[in-house]
Amino acid sequence: MTGYIDLPDYATALAEGVRLPAPEYYNFGFDLIDRRAAERDKTAFVYVDANTGDRASWRFSDLSAASNRFANMLRGIGAAKGDFAFMMIPRIPAWYEATIGCIKLGVIAMPGTNLLQPKDIEYRINRARARLAIITADHIAKIEAVRDKCPTLERVIVIGAPQGDPHGALHGDWVHCEAACAAASDKLDRSEVEATRSDETMLAYFTSGTTAFPKLVPRDHSYAIAHTLTARYWHDLREDDLHWTMSDTGWAKAAWGKLFGQWQLGTAVMLYNPGPGFDADAHLRLFAEHGITTVCAPPTVFRAFIQMDLSGYDLSSIRHSISAGEPLNPEAVRAWKDATGTVPHDGYGQTETVNLVANFPGVEVRPGSMGKPVPGMDVDIVDDSGNRLPDDEVGHIAVRTDGETWPPGLFRGYYEDDAANAKCFRHGWYYTGDTATRDADGYIWFVGRADDLISSAGYRISPFEVESALIEHESVVESAVVGKKDDLRGEIVKAFVVLAEGFEAGEAMATTLQDFVKATTAPYKYPREIAFVPELPKTISGKIRRVELRDRANAE
């Protein structure tokens, strides 16, 4: 290992345990970025923008200086440690400058996806009583639409607004980022700012709620250390890798794969700002062009890739693939392995955690399983009373919290939300809200959200498992499964299906899919009703709104 945090290999970690550093004071900007810039400067990230054609390679020294300028700019406008800053920046270098600049000063950045609309922005700013907003120029109108409804918002920092202020907005409490940073010093001694404790809030993310408003998840400064587990074991990163996690900067997944763990290990990161829509060809060409060695993408991306003729692309640089969100169907796994020699390693975690469960390099991958607990974590399947369940019984995925130390990377609770905290922290465990089973070899198999389980004629059925069976059929692009009330069975399984081009909806197709599910999984799990729809309702983060589909089914 050549990283600053030296973790043992997976087998040793299982046998001897893992201990991460636990300093009283820690700041990722000073202790990692600036230290690497001074002691072991190298490429931090490679930037490609499909919209502008911009390309650049940034070293840690570049990032250190740029984040210092941003932090000094913040100091100049009166920002201080503990202030919340709403942030909406796409996959451009300014996201790194702003994020690390905020961390250095102790300002709490709240990243948001660039898909957010004015009402979403209003809710987030007011929920955290944010004093600052940091946005790109294309979002000015969104902020202006709700500015009068956000009484705590004092300053708006705008990135990418042309000089001359064509929007007529950059005046008074609006700050032209480039001009203000150019006037700021690129030097910042940590003694000039208030020190940050490891247990103080560094970032804050909003979960994407499917049944209620998003909850605010504070992440403390030790979170930046804990993601070394994610990068070391699941991502299997080395200092000479170029890693690419395909994620919007507004999701916690960006912190997982574009920021903390990678740079703890000295790994360079690919920062690709895509054009509108998803261009599989443009993405695939980047692997050979830049020699990308490790890739983390959601299953939808892998499925898009295998629709291409992969023999036309040079994917030989890829040595490790990672997938998260749901198991990939066997056809996608086979096609990707044939093209790259790598099997996508599934993993599991939340905005509230770091990686909790994963398929690790060197350990047998069992298709459909999330894998095993990450070294250093006590993750298990428990009942409502906190008792560990026997193998193959459905229960809650939970993280033990009453051990000798707090689990690395686990949050301490939702922001000002006692009811939510009481629900998830109980009996010495953190209840993730997800359910699963554990087999005799310790592999964990995802079942579904606890409130999504279907109870039909005495059987407990996972919507996720039925969806996974449906997606294996060549006609299915997407599916969502819910329980529909039924006088005889309590509930029946109902599926909403989006068909691929060339397939016709109707009774014959419904029967075909029902028979396919019966042959793929236990027959009692098959959908007794199937509705063919052009698209599925989703949250802004892309999660299926099953609650909406359940209401639709029960209203019939």
Protein backbone atom coordinates (compact mmCIF):
# COMPACT_ATOMS: atom_id res chain seq x y z
CA MET A 1 0.00 0.00 0.00
CA THR A 2 1.22 3.48 -0.84
CA GLY A 3 -1.66 5.50 0.56
CA TYR A 4 -1.52 7.70 3.64
CA ILE A 5 -3.92 5.35 5.45
CA ASP A 6 -2.39 1.89 5.27
CA LEU A 7 -5.06 -0.81 5.42
CA PRO A 8 -4.31 -4.54 5.31
CA ASP A 9 -5.51 -6.76 2.50
CA TYR A 10 -9.01 -8.23 2.68
CA ALA A 11 -8.03 -11.60 4.18
CA THR A 12 -5.87 -10.00 6.86
CA ALA A 13 -8.56 -7.44 7.63
CA LEU A 14 -11.09 -10.23 8.23
CA ALA A 15 -8.72 -12.14 10.46
CA GLU A 16 -7.24 -9.25 12.44
CA GLY A 17 -9.83 -6.49 12.09
CA VAL A 18 -9.47 -2.94 10.77
CA ARG A 19 -8.67 0.19 12.73
CA LEU A 20 -8.99 3.52 10.98
CA PRO A 21 -7.26 6.64 12.33
CA ALA A 22 -9.46 8.55 14.77
CA PRO A 23 -7.82 11.95 15.27
CA GLU A 24 -9.57 14.50 17.46
CA TYR A 25 -9.17 17.12 14.73
CA TYR A 26 -9.26 16.40 11.01
CA ASN A 27 -9.79 18.37 7.82
CA PHE A 28 -9.68 16.63 4.45
CA GLY A 29 -8.69 19.84 2.67
CA PHE A 30 -5.63 20.48 4.82
CA ASP A 31 -4.70 16.98 5.98
CA LEU A 32 -5.09 15.22 2.64
CA ILE A 33 -5.21 17.63 -0.31
CA ASP A 34 -2.58 20.09 0.91
CA ARG A 35 -0.39 17.36 2.33
CA ARG A 36 -0.36 15.45 -0.95
CA ALA A 37 0.33 18.67 -2.85
CA ALA A 38 3.39 19.27 -0.65
CA GLU A 39 4.71 15.74 -0.25
CA ARG A 40 3.49 13.56 -3.12
CA ASP A 41 2.10 15.74 -5.88
CA LYS A 42 0.54 13.87 -8.80
CA THR A 43 -2.58 13.89 -10.98
CA ALA A 44 -5.72 14.24 -8.85
CA PHE A 45 -8.29 14.16 -11.65
CA VAL A 46 -8.64 14.18 -15.42
CA TYR A 47 -11.39 16.42 -16.76
CA VAL A 48 -13.33 16.06 -20.03
CA ASP A 49 -16.41 18.13 -20.90
CA ALA A 50 -18.65 16.87 -23.69
CA ASN A 51 -20.50 20.19 -23.80
CA THR A 52 -17.58 22.59 -24.20
CA GLY A 53 -14.80 20.34 -25.42
CA ASP A 54 -12.66 21.39 -22.44
CA ARG A 55 -9.98 18.96 -21.30
CA ALA A 56 -7.54 19.31 -18.44
CA SER A 57 -5.45 17.38 -15.95
CA TRP A 58 -5.35 18.73 -12.40
CA ARG A 59 -2.64 17.90 -9.89
CA PHE A 60 -3.10 17.99 -6.13
CA SER A 61 -1.11 21.23 -6.10
CA ASP A 62 -3.58 22.80 -8.54
CA LEU A 63 -6.47 21.68 -6.37
CA SER A 64 -4.79 22.96 -3.21
CA ALA A 65 -4.28 26.44 -4.64
CA ALA A 66 -7.76 26.66 -6.21
CA SER A 67 -9.53 25.51 -3.04
CA ASN A 68 -7.49 28.02 -1.03
CA ARG A 69 -8.72 30.80 -3.29
CA PHE A 70 -12.30 29.62 -2.86
CA ALA A 71 -11.96 29.42 0.91
CA ASN A 72 -10.41 32.89 1.04
CA MET A 73 -13.23 34.22 -1.15
CA LEU A 74 -15.73 32.76 1.33
CA ARG A 75 -13.88 34.40 4.21
CA GLY A 76 -14.01 37.70 2.36
CA ILE A 77 -17.80 37.65 2.15
CA GLY A 78 -18.21 36.77 5.81
CA ALA A 79 -18.81 33.01 5.61
CA ALA A 80 -17.78 31.09 8.70
CA LYS A 81 -17.47 27.60 10.13
CA GLY A 82 -20.88 26.03 10.67
CA ASP A 83 -22.68 27.96 7.93
CA PHE A 84 -24.74 25.81 5.55
CA ALA A 85 -24.23 26.36 1.82
CA PHE A 86 -26.63 24.95 -0.76
CA MET A 87 -24.57 23.78 -3.75
CA MET A 88 -25.65 22.92 -7.30
CA ILE A 89 -22.65 22.44 -9.60
CA PRO A 90 -22.31 19.91 -12.46
CA ARG A 91 -19.31 17.66 -13.10
CA ILE A 92 -16.79 20.46 -13.62
CA PRO A 93 -13.59 21.36 -11.70
CA ALA A 94 -15.42 24.13 -9.84
CA TRP A 95 -17.27 21.41 -7.91
CA TYR A 96 -13.97 20.26 -6.43
CA GLU A 97 -12.77 23.81 -5.79
CA ALA A 98 -15.97 24.74 -3.97
CA THR A 99 -16.36 21.49 -2.03
CA ILE A 100 -12.79 21.44 -0.72
CA GLY A 101 -12.77 25.20 -0.15
CA CYS A 102 -15.88 24.84 2.01
CA ILE A 103 -14.34 21.92 3.91
CA LYS A 104 -11.20 23.93 4.68
CA LEU A 105 -13.23 26.77 6.15
CA GLY A 106 -15.72 24.50 7.94
CA VAL A 107 -18.65 25.70 5.80
CA ILE A 108 -21.13 22.83 5.42
CA ALA A 109 -21.79 22.22 1.71
CA MET A 110 -25.12 20.64 0.77
CA PRO A 111 -24.64 19.21 -2.74
CA GLY A 112 -27.77 18.93 -4.86
CA THR A 113 -28.32 17.37 -8.26
CA ASN A 114 -28.58 19.72 -11.21
CA LEU A 115 -32.11 18.38 -11.84
CA LEU A 116 -33.51 20.16 -8.79
CA GLN A 117 -36.35 22.57 -9.43
CA PRO A 118 -37.14 25.81 -7.53
CA LYS A 119 -39.43 24.12 -4.99
CA ASP A 120 -36.69 21.56 -4.22
CA ILE A 121 -34.13 24.32 -3.74
CA GLU A 122 -36.46 26.31 -1.51
CA TYR A 123 -37.07 23.29 0.72
CA ARG A 124 -33.36 22.50 1.07
CA ILE A 125 -32.25 26.04 1.83
CA ASN A 126 -34.99 26.58 4.40
CA ARG A 127 -34.61 23.14 6.01
CA ALA A 128 -30.96 23.86 6.83
CA ARG A 129 -31.39 27.62 7.26
CA ALA A 130 -28.59 28.04 4.74
CA ARG A 131 -26.82 31.40 4.52
CA LEU A 132 -25.13 30.67 1.18
CA ALA A 133 -25.93 29.21 -2.22
CA ILE A 134 -23.21 28.16 -4.68
CA ILE A 135 -24.56 27.58 -8.19
CA THR A 136 -23.66 27.76 -11.85
CA ALA A 137 -25.07 30.55 -14.00
CA ASP A 138 -27.66 28.31 -15.66
CA HIS A 139 -29.42 27.97 -12.29
CA ILE A 140 -29.78 31.70 -11.58
CA ALA A 141 -33.45 31.74 -12.60
CA LYS A 142 -34.23 28.89 -10.20
CA ILE A 143 -32.74 30.78 -7.27
CA GLU A 144 -34.46 34.02 -8.27
CA ALA A 145 -37.80 32.21 -8.37
CA VAL A 146 -37.59 31.36 -4.66
CA ARG A 147 -35.23 33.98 -3.29
CA ASP A 148 -37.98 35.87 -1.49
CA LYS A 149 -39.10 32.64 0.20
CA CYS A 150 -35.67 31.88 1.69
CA PRO A 151 -35.20 34.37 4.55
CA THR A 152 -31.84 33.00 5.76
CA LEU A 153 -30.16 33.14 2.34
CA GLU A 154 -27.67 36.01 2.38
CA ARG A 155 -25.20 35.45 -0.47
CA VAL A 156 -25.39 33.64 -3.82
CA ILE A 157 -22.08 32.67 -5.44
CA VAL A 158 -22.42 32.19 -9.20
CA ILE A 159 -19.97 30.14 -11.24
CA GLY A 160 -19.61 30.65 -14.99
CA ALA A 161 -21.47 33.95 -15.35
CA PRO A 162 -19.81 36.06 -18.06
CA GLN A 163 -18.21 39.31 -16.96
CA GLY A 164 -20.58 42.21 -17.54
CA ASP A 165 -23.46 40.48 -15.77
CA PRO A 166 -25.81 39.81 -18.71
CA HIS A 167 -28.34 38.24 -16.33
CA GLY A 168 -28.72 41.46 -14.39
CA ALA A 169 -28.45 39.43 -11.20
CA LEU A 170 -24.82 39.69 -10.12
CA HIS A 171 -25.05 42.66 -7.86
CA GLY A 172 -25.36 43.34 -4.17
CA ASP A 173 -25.41 39.96 -2.46
CA TRP A 174 -24.67 38.02 -5.67
CA VAL A 175 -21.00 37.11 -6.07
CA HIS A 176 -19.21 36.52 -9.38
CA CYS A 177 -17.16 33.48 -8.40
CA GLU A 178 -14.31 33.69 -10.91
CA ALA A 179 -13.71 37.38 -10.33
CA ALA A 180 -13.85 37.04 -6.55
CA CYS A 181 -11.54 34.01 -6.51
CA ALA A 182 -9.06 35.71 -8.85
CA ALA A 183 -8.77 38.52 -6.31
CA ALA A 184 -8.26 36.07 -3.43
CA SER A 185 -4.96 34.57 -2.31
CA ASP A 186 -4.07 30.99 -3.22
CA LYS A 187 -2.34 30.62 0.16
CA LEU A 188 -4.20 29.58 3.29
CA ASP A 189 -2.53 28.45 6.49
CA ARG A 190 -4.79 26.29 8.63
CA SER A 191 -3.87 28.42 11.64
CA GLU A 192 -5.83 31.25 10.00
CA VAL A 193 -9.16 29.42 10.27
CA GLU A 194 -11.02 27.68 13.07
CA ALA A 195 -10.00 24.03 13.42
CA THR A 196 -12.52 21.32 12.58
CA ARG A 197 -13.09 18.38 14.89
CA SER A 198 -13.52 14.95 13.35
CA ASP A 199 -17.02 14.70 14.80
CA GLU A 200 -18.21 18.09 13.50
CA THR A 201 -20.37 18.30 10.38
CA MET A 202 -18.43 18.56 7.11
CA LEU A 203 -21.11 17.92 4.44
CA ALA A 204 -24.85 17.38 4.40
CA TYR A 205 -26.89 15.38 1.90
CA PHE A 206 -30.61 15.09 1.40
CA THR A 207 -31.97 11.60 0.98
CA SER A 208 -34.38 11.16 -1.91
CA GLY A 209 -37.65 10.44 -0.19
CA THR A 210 -40.29 8.30 -1.90
CA THR A 211 -42.98 8.79 0.72
CA ALA A 212 -42.07 12.09 2.41
CA PHE A 213 -39.83 15.12 2.16
CA PRO A 214 -36.12 14.27 1.92
CA LYS A 215 -34.30 13.94 5.25
CA LEU A 216 -31.11 15.92 5.92
CA VAL A 217 -28.10 13.68 6.58
CA PRO A 218 -25.09 15.40 8.21
CA ARG A 219 -21.69 13.80 7.44
CA ASP A 220 -18.82 14.65 9.77
CA HIS A 221 -15.15 15.14 8.95
CA SER A 222 -14.30 11.53 9.85
CA TYR A 223 -16.51 10.47 6.92
CA ALA A 224 -13.63 11.43 4.63
CA ILE A 225 -11.41 8.92 6.43
CA ALA A 226 -14.03 6.15 6.56
CA HIS A 227 -14.42 6.03 2.78
CA THR A 228 -10.92 4.55 2.66
CA LEU A 229 -12.75 1.28 3.36
CA THR A 230 -14.90 1.80 0.26
CA ALA A 231 -11.94 2.52 -1.97
CA ARG A 232 -9.56 -0.09 -0.54
CA TYR A 233 -11.82 -3.14 -0.43
CA TRP A 234 -14.77 -2.69 -2.78
CA HIS A 235 -13.15 -0.47 -5.42
CA ASP A 236 -9.79 -2.25 -5.00
CA LEU A 237 -7.89 0.94 -5.86
CA ARG A 238 -4.18 1.57 -6.22
CA GLU A 239 -2.20 4.78 -6.54
CA ASP A 240 -1.55 4.22 -10.25
CA ASP A 241 -5.24 3.67 -11.12
CA LEU A 242 -7.56 6.05 -12.96
CA HIS A 243 -10.99 5.49 -11.44
CA TRP A 244 -14.32 6.51 -12.93
CA THR A 245 -17.52 6.60 -10.88
CA MET A 246 -20.46 7.64 -13.05
CA SER A 247 -22.51 9.87 -10.77
CA ASP A 248 -23.98 13.34 -10.64
CA THR A 249 -22.17 15.57 -8.16
CA GLY A 250 -25.40 16.04 -6.20
CA TRP A 251 -25.52 12.47 -4.96
CA ALA A 252 -23.57 11.01 -2.05
CA LYS A 253 -22.28 8.51 -4.63
CA ALA A 254 -19.98 11.28 -5.85
CA ALA A 255 -18.40 11.43 -2.39
CA TRP A 256 -18.06 7.64 -2.53
CA GLY A 257 -16.37 7.52 -5.93
CA LYS A 258 -15.01 10.91 -6.96
CA LEU A 259 -13.51 12.35 -3.83
CA PHE A 260 -12.64 10.91 -0.45
CA GLY A 261 -11.54 7.27 -0.63
CA GLN A 262 -9.84 7.63 -4.00
CA TRP A 263 -7.62 10.49 -2.89
CA GLN A 264 -6.88 8.87 0.47
CA LEU A 265 -5.21 6.17 -1.62
CA GLY A 266 -3.70 8.62 -4.12
CA THR A 267 -5.84 7.35 -7.01
CA ALA A 268 -6.58 9.70 -9.90
CA VAL A 269 -10.25 10.27 -10.74
CA MET A 270 -12.03 10.68 -14.06
CA LEU A 271 -14.33 13.73 -14.11
CA TYR A 272 -16.54 13.56 -17.19
CA ASN A 273 -19.26 16.13 -17.74
CA PRO A 274 -21.61 14.49 -20.26
CA GLY A 275 -23.83 16.15 -22.81
CA PRO A 276 -27.64 15.92 -22.71
CA GLY A 277 -28.99 12.40 -22.57
CA PHE A 278 -26.81 9.32 -22.18
CA ASP A 279 -24.33 8.80 -25.01
CA ALA A 280 -23.03 5.24 -24.56
CA ASP A 281 -20.60 5.60 -27.47
CA ALA A 282 -18.98 8.72 -25.98
CA HIS A 283 -18.60 7.03 -22.61
CA LEU A 284 -17.12 3.84 -24.06
CA ARG A 285 -14.53 5.73 -26.13
CA LEU A 286 -13.13 7.36 -23.00
CA PHE A 287 -11.84 4.07 -21.58
CA ALA A 288 -9.20 3.64 -24.25
CA GLU A 289 -8.52 7.34 -24.67
CA HIS A 290 -7.57 7.81 -21.02
CA GLY A 291 -6.62 4.31 -19.90
CA ILE A 292 -9.35 4.07 -17.25
CA THR A 293 -8.62 1.08 -15.02
CA THR A 294 -11.58 0.85 -12.63
CA VAL A 295 -15.20 1.78 -13.24
CA CYS A 296 -18.24 2.08 -10.99
CA ALA A 297 -21.62 2.50 -12.67
CA PRO A 298 -25.28 1.75 -11.95
CA PRO A 299 -26.88 -1.28 -13.61
CA THR A 300 -28.72 0.94 -16.10
CA VAL A 301 -25.37 2.06 -17.53
CA PHE A 302 -24.04 -1.48 -17.87
CA ARG A 303 -27.28 -2.47 -19.61
CA ALA A 304 -26.88 0.47 -22.00
CA PHE A 305 -23.28 -0.53 -22.72
CA ILE A 306 -24.13 -4.11 -23.66
CA GLN A 307 -26.66 -2.85 -26.21
CA MET A 308 -23.63 -1.58 -28.15
CA ASP A 309 -21.30 -3.71 -30.23
CA LEU A 310 -18.56 -3.80 -27.59
CA SER A 311 -16.10 -5.45 -29.97
CA GLY A 312 -15.71 -2.04 -31.56
CA TYR A 313 -14.22 -0.50 -28.39
CA ASP A 314 -10.87 -0.98 -26.68
CA LEU A 315 -11.77 -1.79 -23.08
CA SER A 316 -8.51 -3.56 -22.29
CA SER A 317 -7.45 -1.02 -19.66
CA ILE A 318 -10.30 -2.03 -17.32
CA ARG A 319 -9.11 -4.34 -14.54
CA HIS A 320 -12.04 -4.01 -12.09
CA SER A 321 -15.76 -3.19 -12.44
CA ILE A 322 -18.20 -2.16 -9.73
CA SER A 323 -22.00 -1.94 -9.80
CA ALA A 324 -24.48 -0.71 -7.21
CA GLY A 325 -28.20 -0.23 -6.81
CA GLU A 326 -29.55 -3.62 -7.82
CA PRO A 327 -28.21 -6.93 -9.10
CA LEU A 328 -27.37 -7.04 -12.78
CA ASN A 329 -29.23 -9.60 -14.82
CA PRO A 330 -27.05 -12.58 -15.90
CA GLU A 331 -27.08 -11.56 -19.58
CA ALA A 332 -25.53 -8.19 -18.75
CA VAL A 333 -22.92 -9.76 -16.49
CA ARG A 334 -21.92 -12.26 -19.19
CA ALA A 335 -21.72 -9.65 -21.94
CA TRP A 336 -19.60 -7.27 -19.85
CA LYS A 337 -17.28 -10.08 -18.75
CA ASP A 338 -16.85 -11.23 -22.35
CA ALA A 339 -15.91 -7.69 -23.39
CA THR A 340 -13.66 -6.72 -20.47
CA GLY A 341 -12.73 -9.87 -18.59
CA THR A 342 -14.22 -8.32 -15.45
CA VAL A 343 -17.38 -9.16 -13.52
CA PRO A 344 -19.25 -6.19 -12.03
CA HIS A 345 -18.87 -6.44 -8.25
CA ASP A 346 -22.12 -5.42 -6.58
CA GLY A 347 -22.14 -3.49 -3.31
CA TYR A 348 -24.49 -1.84 -0.85
CA GLY A 349 -24.55 1.29 1.28
CA GLN A 350 -26.55 4.44 1.86
CA THR A 351 -26.23 8.20 2.07
CA GLU A 352 -26.10 7.59 5.83
CA THR A 353 -23.13 5.18 5.60
CA VAL A 354 -20.06 4.23 3.64
CA ASN A 355 -19.89 0.89 1.85
CA LEU A 356 -21.44 -1.73 4.14
CA VAL A 357 -21.67 -4.89 2.06
CA ALA A 358 -19.89 -5.83 -1.16
CA ASN A 359 -18.50 -8.48 -3.43
CA PHE A 360 -14.76 -8.13 -3.00
CA PRO A 361 -11.95 -8.89 -5.46
CA GLY A 362 -10.54 -12.36 -4.84
CA VAL A 363 -13.78 -13.58 -3.26
CA GLU A 364 -16.32 -15.61 -5.24
CA VAL A 365 -19.04 -13.42 -6.73
CA ARG A 366 -22.47 -14.92 -6.38
CA PRO A 367 -24.70 -13.24 -8.96
CA GLY A 368 -27.64 -11.55 -7.30
CA SER A 369 -25.97 -11.25 -3.89
CA MET A 370 -24.75 -7.93 -2.48
CA GLY A 371 -21.77 -9.84 -1.06
CA LYS A 372 -20.42 -9.84 2.48
CA PRO A 373 -19.95 -7.16 5.16
CA VAL A 374 -17.02 -4.79 4.73
CA PRO A 375 -14.10 -5.49 7.09
CA GLY A 376 -14.44 -3.43 10.23
CA MET A 377 -18.24 -3.45 10.11
CA ASP A 378 -20.67 -5.56 12.14
CA VAL A 379 -23.51 -5.78 9.61
CA ASP A 380 -26.15 -8.46 10.04
CA ILE A 381 -29.77 -9.45 9.51
CA VAL A 382 -31.88 -8.82 12.62
CA ASP A 383 -35.50 -8.86 13.71
CA ASP A 384 -37.62 -6.01 15.10
CA SER A 385 -36.13 -6.57 18.57
CA GLY A 386 -32.50 -6.50 17.46
CA ASN A 387 -31.94 -10.27 17.56
CA ARG A 388 -29.70 -11.76 14.90
CA LEU A 389 -31.75 -14.02 12.66
CA PRO A 390 -30.88 -17.53 11.44
CA ASP A 391 -29.64 -18.07 7.90
CA ASP A 392 -32.17 -17.62 5.09
CA GLU A 393 -34.73 -15.71 7.18
CA VAL A 394 -35.87 -12.29 5.95
CA GLY A 395 -34.99 -9.49 8.34
CA HIS A 396 -33.63 -5.96 8.60
CA ILE A 397 -30.18 -5.05 7.33
CA ALA A 398 -28.63 -3.41 10.39
CA VAL A 399 -25.29 -2.06 11.60
CA ARG A 400 -24.30 -2.69 15.22
CA THR A 401 -23.80 0.56 17.12
CA ASP A 402 -23.15 -0.60 20.69
CA GLY A 403 -19.71 -2.08 20.08
CA GLU A 404 -16.39 -0.74 21.37
CA THR A 405 -16.32 2.01 18.73
CA TRP A 406 -18.86 3.75 16.53
CA PRO A 407 -19.04 2.09 13.09
CA PRO A 408 -16.76 3.90 10.62
CA GLY A 409 -18.66 6.23 8.31
CA LEU A 410 -22.05 5.75 9.97
CA PHE A 411 -23.89 9.02 10.51
CA ARG A 412 -25.02 10.02 14.02
CA GLY A 413 -28.59 10.91 13.14
CA TYR A 414 -30.80 12.99 10.86
CA TYR A 415 -30.68 16.75 11.30
CA GLU A 416 -33.22 17.91 13.88
CA ASP A 417 -35.47 14.86 13.38
CA ASP A 418 -35.99 12.98 16.64
CA ALA A 419 -38.78 10.81 15.23
CA ALA A 420 -36.70 9.52 12.33
CA ASN A 421 -33.72 8.91 14.61
CA ALA A 422 -35.79 6.95 17.11
CA LYS A 423 -37.03 4.75 14.27
CA CYS A 424 -33.62 3.88 12.84
CA PHE A 425 -31.46 3.73 16.00
CA ARG A 426 -32.78 1.09 18.39
CA HIS A 427 -31.72 -2.02 20.30
CA GLY A 428 -28.04 -1.22 19.72
CA TRP A 429 -28.39 -1.23 15.93
CA TYR A 430 -28.83 1.20 13.07
CA TYR A 431 -31.75 -0.09 11.00
CA THR A 432 -31.15 0.75 7.34
CA GLY A 433 -34.81 0.38 6.37
CA ASP A 434 -33.87 -2.38 3.92
CA THR A 435 -34.48 -6.10 4.28
CA ALA A 436 -32.41 -9.08 3.21
CA THR A 437 -31.43 -12.65 3.99
CA ARG A 438 -28.03 -14.11 4.87
CA ASP A 439 -27.02 -17.52 3.55
CA ALA A 440 -24.89 -20.16 5.29
CA ASP A 441 -21.70 -18.73 3.79
CA GLY A 442 -22.35 -15.20 5.00
CA TYR A 443 -23.51 -13.74 1.67
CA ILE A 444 -26.31 -11.18 1.96
CA TRP A 445 -29.21 -11.16 -0.48
CA PHE A 446 -31.27 -8.00 -0.83
CA VAL A 447 -35.06 -8.36 -0.48
CA GLY A 448 -36.40 -4.80 -0.54
CA ARG A 449 -37.34 -1.75 1.46
CA ALA A 450 -38.97 -2.83 4.71
CA ASP A 451 -42.17 -0.97 3.83
CA ASP A 452 -42.29 -2.44 0.31
CA LEU A 453 -42.53 -6.13 1.26
CA ILE A 454 -45.65 -7.84 -0.07
CA SER A 455 -47.60 -10.20 2.18
CA SER A 456 -49.63 -12.58 0.00
CA ALA A 457 -51.43 -15.69 1.30
CA GLY A 458 -48.90 -15.98 4.14
CA TYR A 459 -45.86 -15.51 1.92
CA ARG A 460 -43.50 -12.53 2.27
CA ILE A 461 -42.49 -11.51 -1.24
CA SER A 462 -39.74 -9.11 -2.20
CA PRO A 463 -40.69 -6.71 -5.01
CA PHE A 464 -37.00 -6.50 -5.84
CA GLU A 465 -36.75 -10.23 -6.49
CA VAL A 466 -39.74 -10.23 -8.84
CA GLU A 467 -38.39 -7.16 -10.64
CA SER A 468 -35.02 -8.87 -11.04
CA ALA A 469 -36.74 -11.88 -12.59
CA LEU A 470 -38.77 -9.73 -14.98
CA ILE A 471 -35.76 -7.74 -16.15
CA GLU A 472 -34.07 -10.94 -17.30
CA HIS A 473 -36.67 -11.27 -20.05
CA GLU A 474 -35.56 -9.71 -23.32
CA SER A 475 -38.81 -7.76 -23.69
CA VAL A 476 -38.50 -5.85 -20.39
CA VAL A 477 -36.65 -2.55 -20.12
CA GLU A 478 -37.82 -1.67 -16.62
CA SER A 479 -40.24 -3.03 -14.07
CA ALA A 480 -41.68 -2.07 -10.70
CA VAL A 481 -43.60 -4.42 -8.44
CA VAL A 482 -46.04 -3.52 -5.66
CA GLY A 483 -48.59 -5.20 -3.45
CA LYS A 484 -52.23 -4.67 -4.38
CA LYS A 485 -54.92 -5.24 -1.77
CA ASP A 486 -56.88 -8.46 -2.25
CA ASP A 487 -59.77 -9.83 -0.20
CA LEU A 488 -58.62 -13.45 -0.51
CA ARG A 489 -54.82 -13.24 -0.29
CA GLY A 490 -54.40 -9.99 1.61
CA GLU A 491 -52.25 -8.70 -1.24
CA ILE A 492 -51.36 -9.85 -4.71
CA VAL A 493 -48.23 -9.08 -6.70
CA LYS A 494 -48.80 -6.47 -9.38
CA ALA A 495 -46.11 -5.48 -11.88
CA PHE A 496 -45.78 -2.31 -13.92
CA VAL A 497 -43.65 -3.03 -16.97
CA VAL A 498 -41.93 -0.88 -19.60
CA LEU A 499 -41.41 -2.92 -22.76
CA ALA A 500 -38.47 -2.71 -25.15
CA GLU A 501 -39.02 -1.60 -28.73
CA GLY A 502 -40.44 -4.28 -30.96
CA PHE A 503 -42.54 -5.95 -28.28
CA GLU A 504 -46.30 -5.54 -28.10
CA ALA A 505 -48.26 -5.10 -24.87
CA GLY A 506 -51.30 -7.27 -24.32
CA GLU A 507 -52.63 -10.42 -22.68
CA ALA A 508 -50.25 -12.67 -24.60
CA MET A 509 -47.21 -10.71 -23.42
CA ALA A 510 -48.56 -10.66 -19.84
CA THR A 511 -48.93 -14.45 -19.89
CA THR A 512 -45.43 -14.83 -21.34
CA LEU A 513 -43.93 -12.76 -18.54
CA GLN A 514 -45.95 -14.51 -15.83
CA ASP A 515 -44.75 -17.90 -17.05
CA PHE A 516 -41.19 -16.58 -17.26
CA VAL A 517 -41.23 -15.41 -13.63
CA LYS A 518 -42.70 -18.75 -12.50
CA ALA A 519 -39.81 -20.53 -14.20
CA THR A 520 -37.18 -18.09 -12.92
CA THR A 521 -38.14 -17.87 -9.23
CA ALA A 522 -40.60 -19.49 -6.84
CA PRO A 523 -43.96 -19.74 -8.65
CA TYR A 524 -45.93 -18.11 -5.81
CA LYS A 525 -44.02 -14.86 -6.48
CA TYR A 526 -45.28 -14.35 -10.02
CA PRO A 527 -47.24 -11.14 -10.76
CA ARG A 528 -50.93 -11.96 -10.94
CA GLU A 529 -51.53 -8.63 -12.66
CA ILE A 530 -49.29 -6.82 -15.15
CA ALA A 531 -49.80 -3.28 -16.39
CA PHE A 532 -47.76 -2.08 -19.38
CA VAL A 533 -46.72 1.57 -19.03
CA PRO A 534 -44.57 3.95 -21.12
CA GLU A 535 -42.47 4.94 -18.07
CA LEU A 536 -42.25 4.52 -14.31
CA PRO A 537 -42.69 7.38 -11.81
CA LYS A 538 -39.38 8.20 -10.12
CA THR A 539 -37.88 10.52 -7.57
CA ILE A 540 -35.38 13.14 -8.69
CA SER A 541 -32.57 10.72 -7.82
CA GLY A 542 -34.03 8.06 -10.11
CA LYS A 543 -35.57 5.82 -7.45
CA ILE A 544 -38.89 4.27 -8.41
CA ARG A 545 -41.83 5.75 -6.51
CA ARG A 546 -43.49 2.48 -5.58
CA VAL A 547 -45.77 4.33 -3.19
CA GLU A 548 -47.34 6.10 -6.17
CA LEU A 549 -47.75 2.83 -8.06
CA ARG A 550 -49.19 1.13 -4.98
CA ASP A 551 -51.75 3.92 -4.62
CA ARG A 552 -52.57 3.65 -8.31
CA ALA A 553 -53.07 -0.11 -8.06
CA ASN A 554 -55.29 0.11 -4.98
CA ALA A 555 -57.40 2.88 -6.52
CA GLU A 556 -58.43 0.61 -9.38
